[in-house]
Amino acid sequence: MRAVISRREALGRMGMVLAGLAVTGCAPRFVTNALYPEAAKLDDATTDRVLKDFVATVLPGFEHPERIAVLFADESLRFAPFRRAFAADLMRRTQELTGAPSFDVLRPADRERVIRDGLEARGPASRLYNGGVLLAQVAWVAGLWNESGSCPAIGFEGTHEFRGYDEQRHPDPESFLPLATTTDGNPA
């Protein structure tokens, strides 16, 4: 037998599906707000300071961690709605693991321990930490922190500048090009 449903039942089921999609679409922000109520109390200065020290820990030796920390608030990178929750989790883990009042007062070894604990966590916390580490690393390599878009650490100079034809050509093309089969360069 084939089950027949009325138009009213079909519309009701479609409405439930749409409601479910709407709820899951805003679930990440809802979950982070529910898990980190203290995030609403963090001011911008504290959040930026904590994220700057996070970047300095993830990218040791980088001279300008504040330039990447600012990118956590950039709406186009899609981490902005979660930056306060991330800073709140860093502060919470700091207090639980070390007893210190804030992430930004820790020694580098303790910061690494807090970040490692967050990466090994499960659920939303792990996603926050993995996203934060990925954002910091990608922003560094992509040169998003630099006005010219360059990343000197990997030898990427940013936008192309013409420096003459000698710079444009390979210095020894014969080393990777095949030999010509005839004197005029055309195959026989």
C-alpha atoms as a PDB file:
ATOM      1  CA  MET A   1       0.000   0.000   0.000  1.00  0.00           C
ATOM      2  CA  ARG A   2       1.101   3.459  -0.794  1.00  0.00           C
ATOM      3  CA  ALA A   3       0.805   6.051   1.947  1.00  0.00           C
ATOM      4  CA  VAL A   4      -0.903   9.219   0.866  1.00  0.00           C
ATOM      5  CA  ILE A   5      -0.408  12.349   2.880  1.00  0.00           C
ATOM      6  CA  SER A   6      -2.568  15.397   2.686  1.00  0.00           C
ATOM      7  CA  ARG A   7      -1.394  18.774   1.483  1.00  0.00           C
ATOM      8  CA  ARG A   8      -1.604  20.079   5.041  1.00  0.00           C
ATOM      9  CA  GLU A   9       0.678  17.270   6.325  1.00  0.00           C
ATOM     10  CA  ALA A  10       3.168  17.854   3.505  1.00  0.00           C
ATOM     11  CA  LEU A  11       3.341  21.581   4.269  1.00  0.00           C
ATOM     12  CA  GLY A  12       3.745  20.789   7.969  1.00  0.00           C
ATOM     13  CA  ARG A  13       6.647  18.435   7.271  1.00  0.00           C
ATOM     14  CA  MET A  14       8.314  20.945   4.956  1.00  0.00           C
ATOM     15  CA  GLY A  15       7.912  23.603   7.632  1.00  0.00           C
ATOM     16  CA  MET A  16       9.615  21.351  10.166  1.00  0.00           C
ATOM     17  CA  VAL A  17      12.483  20.723   7.740  1.00  0.00           C
ATOM     18  CA  LEU A  18      12.902  24.472   7.152  1.00  0.00           C
ATOM     19  CA  ALA A  19      12.760  25.165  10.886  1.00  0.00           C
ATOM     20  CA  GLY A  20      15.429  22.505  11.440  1.00  0.00           C
ATOM     21  CA  LEU A  21      17.641  24.068   8.789  1.00  0.00           C
ATOM     22  CA  ALA A  22      17.198  27.497  10.341  1.00  0.00           C
ATOM     23  CA  VAL A  23      18.141  26.196  13.777  1.00  0.00           C
ATOM     24  CA  THR A  24      21.229  24.353  12.568  1.00  0.00           C
ATOM     25  CA  GLY A  25      22.331  27.375  10.547  1.00  0.00           C
ATOM     26  CA  CYS A  26      22.736  29.491  13.667  1.00  0.00           C
ATOM     27  CA  ALA A  27      23.780  26.613  15.911  1.00  0.00           C
ATOM     28  CA  PRO A  28      27.529  27.372  16.072  1.00  0.00           C
ATOM     29  CA  ARG A  29      27.030  30.889  17.417  1.00  0.00           C
ATOM     30  CA  PHE A  30      24.254  29.753  19.752  1.00  0.00           C
ATOM     31  CA  VAL A  31      26.403  26.931  21.110  1.00  0.00           C
ATOM     32  CA  THR A  32      29.419  29.152  21.715  1.00  0.00           C
ATOM     33  CA  ASN A  33      27.261  31.764  23.458  1.00  0.00           C
ATOM     34  CA  ALA A  34      25.721  29.078  25.652  1.00  0.00           C
ATOM     35  CA  LEU A  35      29.092  27.476  26.455  1.00  0.00           C
ATOM     36  CA  TYR A  36      30.941  30.732  27.117  1.00  0.00           C
ATOM     37  CA  PRO A  37      28.629  33.231  28.833  1.00  0.00           C
ATOM     38  CA  GLU A  38      31.691  35.084  30.133  1.00  0.00           C
ATOM     39  CA  ALA A  39      32.582  35.972  26.528  1.00  0.00           C
ATOM     40  CA  ALA A  40      29.983  38.764  26.567  1.00  0.00           C
ATOM     41  CA  LYS A  41      31.834  40.394  29.476  1.00  0.00           C
ATOM     42  CA  LEU A  42      35.202  40.531  27.710  1.00  0.00           C
ATOM     43  CA  ASP A  43      36.144  43.945  26.374  1.00  0.00           C
ATOM     44  CA  ASP A  44      37.943  44.476  23.066  1.00  0.00           C
ATOM     45  CA  ALA A  45      41.276  45.347  24.675  1.00  0.00           C
ATOM     46  CA  THR A  46      41.392  42.134  26.710  1.00  0.00           C
ATOM     47  CA  THR A  47      40.257  40.017  23.775  1.00  0.00           C
ATOM     48  CA  ASP A  48      42.886  41.567  21.485  1.00  0.00           C
ATOM     49  CA  ARG A  49      45.621  41.143  24.103  1.00  0.00           C
ATOM     50  CA  VAL A  50      44.770  37.462  24.652  1.00  0.00           C
ATOM     51  CA  LEU A  51      44.594  36.773  20.910  1.00  0.00           C
ATOM     52  CA  LYS A  52      47.897  38.584  20.336  1.00  0.00           C
ATOM     53  CA  ASP A  53      49.585  36.298  22.854  1.00  0.00           C
ATOM     54  CA  PHE A  54      47.870  33.292  21.273  1.00  0.00           C
ATOM     55  CA  VAL A  55      49.334  34.254  17.879  1.00  0.00           C
ATOM     56  CA  ALA A  56      52.763  34.843  19.448  1.00  0.00           C
ATOM     57  CA  THR A  57      52.612  31.304  20.849  1.00  0.00           C
ATOM     58  CA  VAL A  58      51.400  29.652  17.643  1.00  0.00           C
ATOM     59  CA  LEU A  59      53.935  31.560  15.515  1.00  0.00           C
ATOM     60  CA  PRO A  60      57.039  31.753  17.732  1.00  0.00           C
ATOM     61  CA  GLY A  61      59.528  34.387  16.645  1.00  0.00           C
ATOM     62  CA  PHE A  62      57.006  36.360  14.591  1.00  0.00           C
ATOM     63  CA  GLU A  63      57.640  40.065  15.196  1.00  0.00           C
ATOM     64  CA  HIS A  64      54.100  41.405  14.643  1.00  0.00           C
ATOM     65  CA  PRO A  65      51.544  39.108  16.340  1.00  0.00           C
ATOM     66  CA  GLU A  66      49.169  42.039  16.863  1.00  0.00           C
ATOM     67  CA  ARG A  67      48.738  42.356  13.078  1.00  0.00           C
ATOM     68  CA  ILE A  68      47.393  38.816  12.853  1.00  0.00           C
ATOM     69  CA  ALA A  69      45.385  39.115  16.084  1.00  0.00           C
ATOM     70  CA  VAL A  70      43.441  41.974  14.464  1.00  0.00           C
ATOM     71  CA  LEU A  71      42.451  39.597  11.645  1.00  0.00           C
ATOM     72  CA  PHE A  72      40.444  37.474  14.101  1.00  0.00           C
ATOM     73  CA  ALA A  73      37.878  40.308  14.053  1.00  0.00           C
ATOM     74  CA  ASP A  74      37.732  40.477  10.243  1.00  0.00           C
ATOM     75  CA  GLU A  75      34.228  39.454   9.148  1.00  0.00           C
ATOM     76  CA  SER A  76      35.434  38.115   5.790  1.00  0.00           C
ATOM     77  CA  LEU A  77      37.570  35.456   7.508  1.00  0.00           C
ATOM     78  CA  ARG A  78      34.478  34.093   9.327  1.00  0.00           C
ATOM     79  CA  PHE A  79      36.098  33.732  12.761  1.00  0.00           C
ATOM     80  CA  ALA A  80      34.877  37.107  14.051  1.00  0.00           C
ATOM     81  CA  PRO A  81      31.653  35.821  15.684  1.00  0.00           C
ATOM     82  CA  PHE A  82      33.709  33.336  17.713  1.00  0.00           C
ATOM     83  CA  ARG A  83      36.716  35.434  18.745  1.00  0.00           C
ATOM     84  CA  ARG A  84      35.322  36.418  22.154  1.00  0.00           C
ATOM     85  CA  ALA A  85      34.295  32.821  22.890  1.00  0.00           C
ATOM     86  CA  PHE A  86      37.779  31.703  21.875  1.00  0.00           C
ATOM     87  CA  ALA A  87      39.411  34.269  24.156  1.00  0.00           C
ATOM     88  CA  ALA A  88      37.037  33.232  26.958  1.00  0.00           C
ATOM     89  CA  ASP A  89      38.040  29.592  26.510  1.00  0.00           C
ATOM     90  CA  LEU A  90      41.723  30.528  26.596  1.00  0.00           C
ATOM     91  CA  MET A  91      41.103  32.407  29.860  1.00  0.00           C
ATOM     92  CA  ARG A  92      39.043  29.558  31.332  1.00  0.00           C
ATOM     93  CA  ARG A  93      41.643  26.898  30.482  1.00  0.00           C
ATOM     94  CA  THR A  94      44.367  29.138  31.874  1.00  0.00           C
ATOM     95  CA  GLN A  95      42.584  29.356  35.207  1.00  0.00           C
ATOM     96  CA  GLU A  96      41.852  25.607  35.277  1.00  0.00           C
ATOM     97  CA  LEU A  97      45.350  24.429  34.279  1.00  0.00           C
ATOM     98  CA  THR A  98      47.614  27.017  35.886  1.00  0.00           C
ATOM     99  CA  GLY A  99      45.538  29.053  38.317  1.00  0.00           C
ATOM    100  CA  ALA A 100      46.704  32.270  36.626  1.00  0.00           C
ATOM    101  CA  PRO A 101      44.042  34.955  36.096  1.00  0.00           C
ATOM    102  CA  SER A 102      44.617  35.434  32.367  1.00  0.00           C
ATOM    103  CA  PHE A 103      46.268  33.814  29.345  1.00  0.00           C
ATOM    104  CA  ASP A 104      48.360  36.878  28.588  1.00  0.00           C
ATOM    105  CA  VAL A 105      50.304  36.691  31.883  1.00  0.00           C
ATOM    106  CA  LEU A 106      51.552  33.135  31.320  1.00  0.00           C
ATOM    107  CA  ARG A 107      55.048  32.054  30.367  1.00  0.00           C
ATOM    108  CA  PRO A 108      55.386  30.693  26.800  1.00  0.00           C
ATOM    109  CA  ALA A 109      55.605  27.058  27.994  1.00  0.00           C
ATOM    110  CA  ASP A 110      52.357  27.416  29.943  1.00  0.00           C
ATOM    111  CA  ARG A 111      50.669  29.067  26.970  1.00  0.00           C
ATOM    112  CA  GLU A 112      51.653  26.111  24.820  1.00  0.00           C
ATOM    113  CA  ARG A 113      50.200  23.757  27.435  1.00  0.00           C
ATOM    114  CA  VAL A 114      46.877  25.640  27.432  1.00  0.00           C
ATOM    115  CA  ILE A 115      46.688  25.624  23.620  1.00  0.00           C
ATOM    116  CA  ARG A 116      47.613  21.939  23.435  1.00  0.00           C
ATOM    117  CA  ASP A 117      44.865  21.158  25.947  1.00  0.00           C
ATOM    118  CA  GLY A 118      42.363  23.071  23.811  1.00  0.00           C
ATOM    119  CA  LEU A 119      43.447  21.265  20.654  1.00  0.00           C
ATOM    120  CA  GLU A 120      43.054  17.891  22.364  1.00  0.00           C
ATOM    121  CA  ALA A 121      39.601  18.776  23.719  1.00  0.00           C
ATOM    122  CA  ARG A 122      36.446  17.541  22.055  1.00  0.00           C
ATOM    123  CA  GLY A 123      33.455  19.327  20.627  1.00  0.00           C
ATOM    124  CA  PRO A 124      33.217  23.061  19.990  1.00  0.00           C
ATOM    125  CA  ALA A 125      36.382  23.887  21.944  1.00  0.00           C
ATOM    126  CA  SER A 126      38.506  21.743  19.662  1.00  0.00           C
ATOM    127  CA  ARG A 127      36.956  23.384  16.613  1.00  0.00           C
ATOM    128  CA  LEU A 128      37.699  26.843  18.041  1.00  0.00           C
ATOM    129  CA  TYR A 129      41.328  25.978  18.688  1.00  0.00           C
ATOM    130  CA  ASN A 130      41.871  24.276  15.343  1.00  0.00           C
ATOM    131  CA  GLY A 131      40.235  27.221  13.574  1.00  0.00           C
ATOM    132  CA  GLY A 132      42.323  29.719  15.543  1.00  0.00           C
ATOM    133  CA  VAL A 133      45.593  27.936  14.777  1.00  0.00           C
ATOM    134  CA  LEU A 134      44.649  27.557  11.113  1.00  0.00           C
ATOM    135  CA  LEU A 135      43.670  31.216  10.818  1.00  0.00           C
ATOM    136  CA  ALA A 136      46.938  32.381  12.383  1.00  0.00           C
ATOM    137  CA  GLN A 137      49.070  30.158  10.168  1.00  0.00           C
ATOM    138  CA  VAL A 138      47.221  30.912   6.941  1.00  0.00           C
ATOM    139  CA  ALA A 139      47.218  34.663   7.643  1.00  0.00           C
ATOM    140  CA  TRP A 140      50.961  34.523   8.236  1.00  0.00           C
ATOM    141  CA  VAL A 141      51.842  32.499   5.122  1.00  0.00           C
ATOM    142  CA  ALA A 142      49.385  34.392   2.902  1.00  0.00           C
ATOM    143  CA  GLY A 143      50.860  37.710   3.989  1.00  0.00           C
ATOM    144  CA  LEU A 144      47.501  39.068   5.164  1.00  0.00           C
ATOM    145  CA  TRP A 145      49.337  40.815   8.003  1.00  0.00           C
ATOM    146  CA  ASN A 146      51.617  42.728   5.643  1.00  0.00           C
ATOM    147  CA  GLU A 147      50.510  45.741   3.608  1.00  0.00           C
ATOM    148  CA  SER A 148      52.355  44.485   0.533  1.00  0.00           C
ATOM    149  CA  GLY A 149      50.984  40.952   0.937  1.00  0.00           C
ATOM    150  CA  SER A 150      54.468  39.519   1.211  1.00  0.00           C
ATOM    151  CA  CYS A 151      55.791  36.886   3.580  1.00  0.00           C
ATOM    152  CA  PRO A 152      59.563  37.291   3.902  1.00  0.00           C
ATOM    153  CA  ALA A 153      59.948  34.105   5.963  1.00  0.00           C
ATOM    154  CA  ILE A 154      59.052  31.937   2.952  1.00  0.00           C
ATOM    155  CA  GLY A 155      60.549  34.228   0.305  1.00  0.00           C
ATOM    156  CA  PHE A 156      57.227  35.422  -1.112  1.00  0.00           C
ATOM    157  CA  GLU A 157      57.609  39.033  -2.216  1.00  0.00           C
ATOM    158  CA  GLY A 158      53.939  39.850  -2.704  1.00  0.00           C
ATOM    159  CA  THR A 159      52.708  41.552  -5.839  1.00  0.00           C
ATOM    160  CA  HIS A 160      54.781  41.113  -8.973  1.00  0.00           C
ATOM    161  CA  GLU A 161      57.264  43.811  -9.913  1.00  0.00           C
ATOM    162  CA  PHE A 162      58.921  43.736 -13.311  1.00  0.00           C
ATOM    163  CA  ARG A 163      62.705  43.700 -12.903  1.00  0.00           C
ATOM    164  CA  GLY A 164      63.790  43.231 -16.484  1.00  0.00           C
ATOM    165  CA  TYR A 165      63.878  40.285 -18.855  1.00  0.00           C
ATOM    166  CA  ASP A 166      66.959  38.711 -17.307  1.00  0.00           C
ATOM    167  CA  GLU A 167      65.038  38.233 -14.069  1.00  0.00           C
ATOM    168  CA  GLN A 168      62.037  36.813 -15.962  1.00  0.00           C
ATOM    169  CA  ARG A 169      63.954  34.087 -17.765  1.00  0.00           C
ATOM    170  CA  HIS A 170      65.357  30.883 -16.378  1.00  0.00           C
ATOM    171  CA  PRO A 171      69.147  31.187 -16.274  1.00  0.00           C
ATOM    172  CA  ASP A 172      69.736  27.716 -17.785  1.00  0.00           C
ATOM    173  CA  PRO A 173      66.723  26.621 -19.868  1.00  0.00           C
ATOM    174  CA  GLU A 174      68.738  23.870 -21.608  1.00  0.00           C
ATOM    175  CA  SER A 175      68.874  21.945 -18.334  1.00  0.00           C
ATOM    176  CA  PHE A 176      65.148  21.188 -18.419  1.00  0.00           C
ATOM    177  CA  LEU A 177      64.145  21.614 -22.098  1.00  0.00           C
ATOM    178  CA  PRO A 178      64.645  18.722 -24.578  1.00  0.00           C
ATOM    179  CA  LEU A 179      67.244  19.005 -27.314  1.00  0.00           C
ATOM    180  CA  ALA A 180      66.022  20.011 -30.793  1.00  0.00           C
ATOM    181  CA  THR A 181      65.865  17.170 -33.282  1.00  0.00           C
ATOM    182  CA  THR A 182      66.836  19.360 -36.269  1.00  0.00           C
ATOM    183  CA  THR A 183      68.959  22.452 -36.696  1.00  0.00           C
ATOM    184  CA  ASP A 184      65.943  24.750 -37.039  1.00  0.00           C
ATOM    185  CA  GLY A 185      64.272  23.351 -33.888  1.00  0.00           C
ATOM    186  CA  ASN A 186      61.431  21.578 -35.673  1.00  0.00           C
ATOM    187  CA  PRO A 187      60.949  17.820 -35.492  1.00  0.00           C
ATOM    188  CA  ALA A 188      61.948  15.878 -38.609  1.00  0.00           C
END
